[in-house]
Protein backbone atom coordinates (compact mmCIF):
# COMPACT_ATOMS: atom_id res chain seq x y z
CA UNK A 1 -33.04 -60.43 116.63
CA UNK A 2 -30.40 -63.31 115.88
CA UNK A 3 -26.70 -61.92 117.65
CA UNK A 4 -23.49 -63.12 115.47
CA UNK A 5 -21.48 -64.12 117.24
CA UNK A 6 -17.44 -63.48 116.89
CA UNK A 7 -15.59 -66.25 115.09
CA UNK A 8 -12.89 -66.58 118.27
CA UNK A 9 -14.01 -65.78 121.33
CA UNK A 10 -12.08 -64.95 124.82
CA UNK A 11 -12.20 -66.81 127.68
CA UNK A 12 -15.12 -64.24 129.25
CA UNK A 13 -17.44 -64.58 126.23
CA UNK A 14 -16.64 -68.45 126.13
CA UNK A 15 -17.81 -68.29 129.61
CA UNK A 16 -20.98 -66.44 128.96
CA UNK A 17 -21.61 -68.37 126.43
CA UNK A 18 -21.55 -71.37 128.09
CA UNK A 19 -23.13 -70.31 130.93
CA UNK A 20 -20.12 -70.57 133.32
CA UNK A 21 -17.61 -68.68 135.29
CA UNK A 22 -13.88 -67.51 133.68
CA UNK A 23 -12.48 -69.10 136.13
CA UNK A 24 -14.36 -72.45 135.55
CA UNK A 25 -13.04 -72.43 131.73
CA UNK A 26 -9.37 -71.80 133.41
CA UNK A 27 -9.56 -74.87 135.54
CA UNK A 28 -11.34 -77.19 132.94
CA UNK A 29 -8.18 -76.01 130.51
CA UNK A 30 -6.05 -77.19 133.35
CA UNK A 31 -7.84 -80.39 134.21
CA UNK A 32 -7.64 -81.01 130.43
CA UNK A 33 -11.40 -81.25 130.31
CA UNK A 34 -11.87 -77.78 128.12
CA UNK A 35 -9.31 -76.35 125.99
CA UNK A 36 -8.64 -73.59 124.07
CA UNK A 37 -9.26 -73.91 120.46
CA UNK A 38 -5.53 -71.49 120.15
CA UNK A 39 -4.02 -69.02 121.87
CA UNK A 40 -2.95 -65.56 121.15
CA UNK A 41 0.27 -63.99 120.60
CA UNK A 42 -0.03 -62.64 123.96
CA UNK A 43 -0.99 -66.74 125.11
CA UNK A 44 -4.24 -65.52 125.41
CA UNK A 45 -7.30 -68.46 125.43
CA UNK A 46 -9.28 -68.32 122.28
CA UNK A 47 -12.56 -70.57 121.55
CA UNK A 48 -14.86 -71.06 118.42
CA UNK A 49 -18.18 -71.01 118.48
CA UNK A 50 -18.25 -74.35 116.61
CA UNK A 51 -15.95 -75.82 119.51
CA UNK A 52 -18.06 -74.99 122.25
CA UNK A 53 -21.27 -76.28 120.57
CA UNK A 54 -19.12 -79.51 120.17
CA UNK A 55 -18.60 -79.50 123.83
CA UNK A 56 -21.75 -78.40 125.16
CA UNK A 57 -23.61 -82.10 122.83
CA UNK A 58 -26.57 -82.55 124.06
CA UNK A 59 -26.81 -80.50 127.38
CA UNK A 60 -29.01 -77.93 127.39
CA UNK A 61 -27.64 -74.22 127.97
CA UNK A 62 -29.11 -73.07 130.83
CA UNK A 63 -32.04 -70.04 129.89
CA UNK A 64 -31.86 -67.13 131.52
CA UNK A 65 -35.21 -66.72 133.95
CA UNK A 66 -34.31 -63.59 136.00
CA UNK A 67 -37.04 -60.40 135.15
CA UNK A 68 -35.62 -57.22 137.01
CA UNK A 69 -37.35 -53.99 136.68
CA UNK A 70 -34.67 -51.14 136.87
CA UNK A 71 -35.34 -47.56 138.49
CA UNK A 72 -32.64 -44.97 138.59
CA UNK A 73 -32.38 -40.83 139.74
CA UNK A 74 -29.62 -38.97 139.90
CA UNK A 75 -30.36 -37.51 143.68
CA UNK A 76 -31.23 -38.36 146.74
CA UNK A 77 -33.92 -35.24 146.85
CA UNK A 78 -35.79 -36.79 143.57
CA UNK A 79 -36.66 -39.72 145.62
CA UNK A 80 -40.25 -38.72 145.21
CA UNK A 81 -39.46 -39.61 141.06
CA UNK A 82 -38.34 -42.60 141.75
CA UNK A 83 -41.46 -43.79 143.63
CA UNK A 84 -43.25 -42.62 140.74
CA UNK A 85 -41.21 -44.60 138.40
CA UNK A 86 -41.64 -47.79 140.10
CA UNK A 87 -45.14 -47.32 140.40
CA UNK A 88 -45.53 -46.90 136.98
CA UNK A 89 -43.34 -49.60 135.71
CA UNK A 90 -45.46 -51.99 138.32
CA UNK A 91 -48.45 -51.37 136.15
CA UNK A 92 -46.98 -51.61 132.69
CA UNK A 93 -44.97 -55.06 134.26
CA UNK A 94 -48.26 -56.21 135.28
CA UNK A 95 -50.31 -55.53 131.61
CA UNK A 96 -47.18 -57.69 130.39
CA UNK A 97 -47.70 -60.04 132.69
CA UNK A 98 -44.64 -60.61 133.96
CA UNK A 99 -43.97 -62.71 137.03
CA UNK A 100 -41.72 -62.32 139.55
CA UNK A 101 -40.39 -59.14 138.87
CA UNK A 102 -37.26 -58.57 140.91
CA UNK A 103 -37.16 -54.53 141.41
CA UNK A 104 -33.85 -52.72 141.54
CA UNK A 105 -34.13 -48.67 142.95
CA UNK A 106 -30.65 -46.67 142.15
CA UNK A 107 -29.86 -43.05 143.13
CA UNK A 108 -26.87 -42.58 140.90
CA UNK A 109 -25.87 -39.92 138.44
CA UNK A 110 -26.59 -41.89 135.02
CA UNK A 111 -23.28 -40.93 133.44
CA UNK A 112 -21.47 -43.21 136.17
CA UNK A 113 -20.72 -46.77 135.29
CA UNK A 114 -19.75 -48.04 138.61
CA UNK A 115 -23.21 -47.52 140.45
CA UNK A 116 -23.31 -51.15 142.69
CA UNK A 117 -26.44 -51.92 141.60
CA UNK A 118 -26.15 -51.10 137.54
CA UNK A 119 -22.84 -53.63 137.88
CA UNK A 120 -25.20 -56.06 140.06
CA UNK A 121 -27.57 -56.43 137.21
CA UNK A 122 -24.83 -56.01 134.49
CA UNK A 123 -22.38 -58.82 135.83
CA UNK A 124 -25.77 -61.24 136.25
CA UNK A 125 -26.74 -60.56 132.63
CA UNK A 126 -23.32 -62.00 131.43
CA UNK A 127 -23.40 -64.68 133.52
CA UNK A 128 -27.11 -64.99 132.22
CA UNK A 129 -29.31 -65.29 134.52
CA UNK A 130 -31.20 -62.18 133.53
CA UNK A 131 -34.02 -62.97 130.82
CA UNK A 132 -35.45 -59.52 130.61
CA UNK A 133 -34.50 -55.54 131.95
CA UNK A 134 -37.43 -53.30 132.20
CA UNK A 135 -37.04 -49.35 132.00
CA UNK A 136 -38.95 -46.64 132.44
CA UNK A 137 -36.42 -44.92 129.63
CA UNK A 138 -33.38 -45.96 127.87
CA UNK A 139 -31.78 -43.34 130.16
CA UNK A 140 -32.95 -44.89 133.60
CA UNK A 141 -30.04 -47.76 132.70
CA UNK A 142 -27.29 -45.19 131.06
CA UNK A 143 -26.95 -41.41 130.33
CA UNK A 144 -24.71 -42.50 126.88
CA UNK A 145 -23.54 -45.28 125.59
CA UNK A 146 -27.03 -47.13 125.40
CA UNK A 147 -26.67 -49.32 122.24
CA UNK A 148 -23.28 -50.87 123.43
CA UNK A 149 -25.20 -51.98 126.62
CA UNK A 150 -28.32 -53.30 124.41
CA UNK A 151 -26.31 -54.87 122.52
CA UNK A 152 -24.25 -56.21 125.12
CA UNK A 153 -27.52 -57.59 127.08
CA UNK A 154 -28.89 -59.17 123.72
CA UNK A 155 -25.40 -60.74 123.18
CA UNK A 156 -25.95 -63.19 126.88
CA UNK A 157 -30.21 -63.54 125.77
CA UNK A 158 -31.38 -60.69 127.66
CA UNK A 159 -34.36 -58.76 126.30
CA UNK A 160 -35.20 -54.71 127.48
CA UNK A 161 -38.16 -53.58 127.46
CA UNK A 162 -39.27 -49.81 128.12
CA UNK A 163 -41.74 -48.19 128.88
CA UNK A 164 -40.20 -45.25 126.75
CA UNK A 165 -42.40 -42.38 128.43
CA UNK A 166 -39.97 -38.82 128.00
CA UNK A 167 -42.05 -37.73 131.23
CA UNK A 168 -39.86 -40.19 133.48
CA UNK A 169 -36.53 -38.12 132.19
CA UNK A 170 -36.56 -35.09 134.26
CA UNK A 171 -34.98 -32.34 132.42
CA UNK A 172 -33.58 -30.94 135.44
CA UNK A 173 -31.55 -34.17 135.57
CA UNK A 174 -30.77 -33.63 131.84
CA UNK A 175 -28.88 -30.56 133.13
CA UNK A 176 -27.38 -32.01 135.67
CA UNK A 177 -25.38 -34.32 133.76
CA UNK A 178 -24.56 -31.63 131.17
CA UNK A 179 -23.19 -29.89 134.33
CA UNK A 180 -21.17 -33.15 135.25
CA UNK A 181 -19.94 -33.68 131.47
CA UNK A 182 -19.01 -29.60 131.51
CA UNK A 183 -16.85 -30.79 134.89
CA UNK A 184 -15.45 -33.02 133.73
CA UNK A 185 -14.20 -31.57 130.29
CA UNK A 186 -13.22 -28.35 132.39
CA UNK A 187 -10.77 -30.44 134.94
CA UNK A 188 -9.56 -32.17 131.80
CA UNK A 189 -8.34 -28.83 130.27
CA UNK A 190 -7.00 -27.34 133.21
CA UNK A 191 -4.85 -30.69 133.80
CA UNK A 192 -3.87 -29.95 130.33
CA UNK A 193 -2.73 -26.60 130.89
CA UNK A 194 -0.69 -27.78 134.35
CA UNK A 195 0.83 -30.39 131.85
CA UNK A 196 1.80 -27.71 128.94
CA UNK A 197 3.25 -25.31 131.24
CA UNK A 198 5.35 -28.09 132.41
CA UNK A 199 6.78 -29.35 128.92
CA UNK A 200 7.45 -25.90 127.62
CA UNK A 201 9.69 -25.28 131.68
CA UNK A 202 11.59 -28.56 130.04
CA UNK A 203 12.11 -27.70 126.93
CA UNK A 204 13.38 -24.59 128.12
CA UNK A 205 15.69 -26.57 130.54
CA UNK A 206 16.71 -28.51 127.82
CA UNK A 207 17.40 -25.26 125.36
CA UNK A 208 19.71 -23.69 127.90
CA UNK A 209 21.65 -27.02 128.57
CA UNK A 210 23.22 -26.41 124.67
CA UNK A 211 26.63 -24.66 124.61
CA UNK A 212 26.64 -21.40 122.97
């Protein structure tokens, strides 16, 4: 599938397109090697695809090479499921003929986008190092918001392969994630009630300050 790139790219997007780091593009701008096509109203650098393609010229862009098989469960008590997940994926990877697959196993909440190994994988995708990410099921990567991460991977030359085996997404794990959502919104509602009380007190105080 061909990915449509934005007409104007930020420094981060341009760096990913060139297979370089943001700091490299900033240095190139200072050294006069590659200056941005324009700047935004706030002074941020902006690049265009035509400009970057012209800069690359005959230089071949680095092609992503690494293949990552990512396995995840939510809690330490589910580690037996983690082993089973890897065993099934090993068969899937072998059947696909994917050589030199790197294995990433993580214990963490599917609603937590700050998981260390998850972030390491996403950062490597952003650097165009990863050619393929293999998953047992889409919720192994993230519980919600998967389409955005799929788009992000495609935009950086990374394909996602899924075994799509529903049995590898345990029902009890879904219940735990739903509880996490409930706890999150419950705390927000509690916080809103606290702010509402403070606001009412402030309003009452202002009203009593007016002369009769």
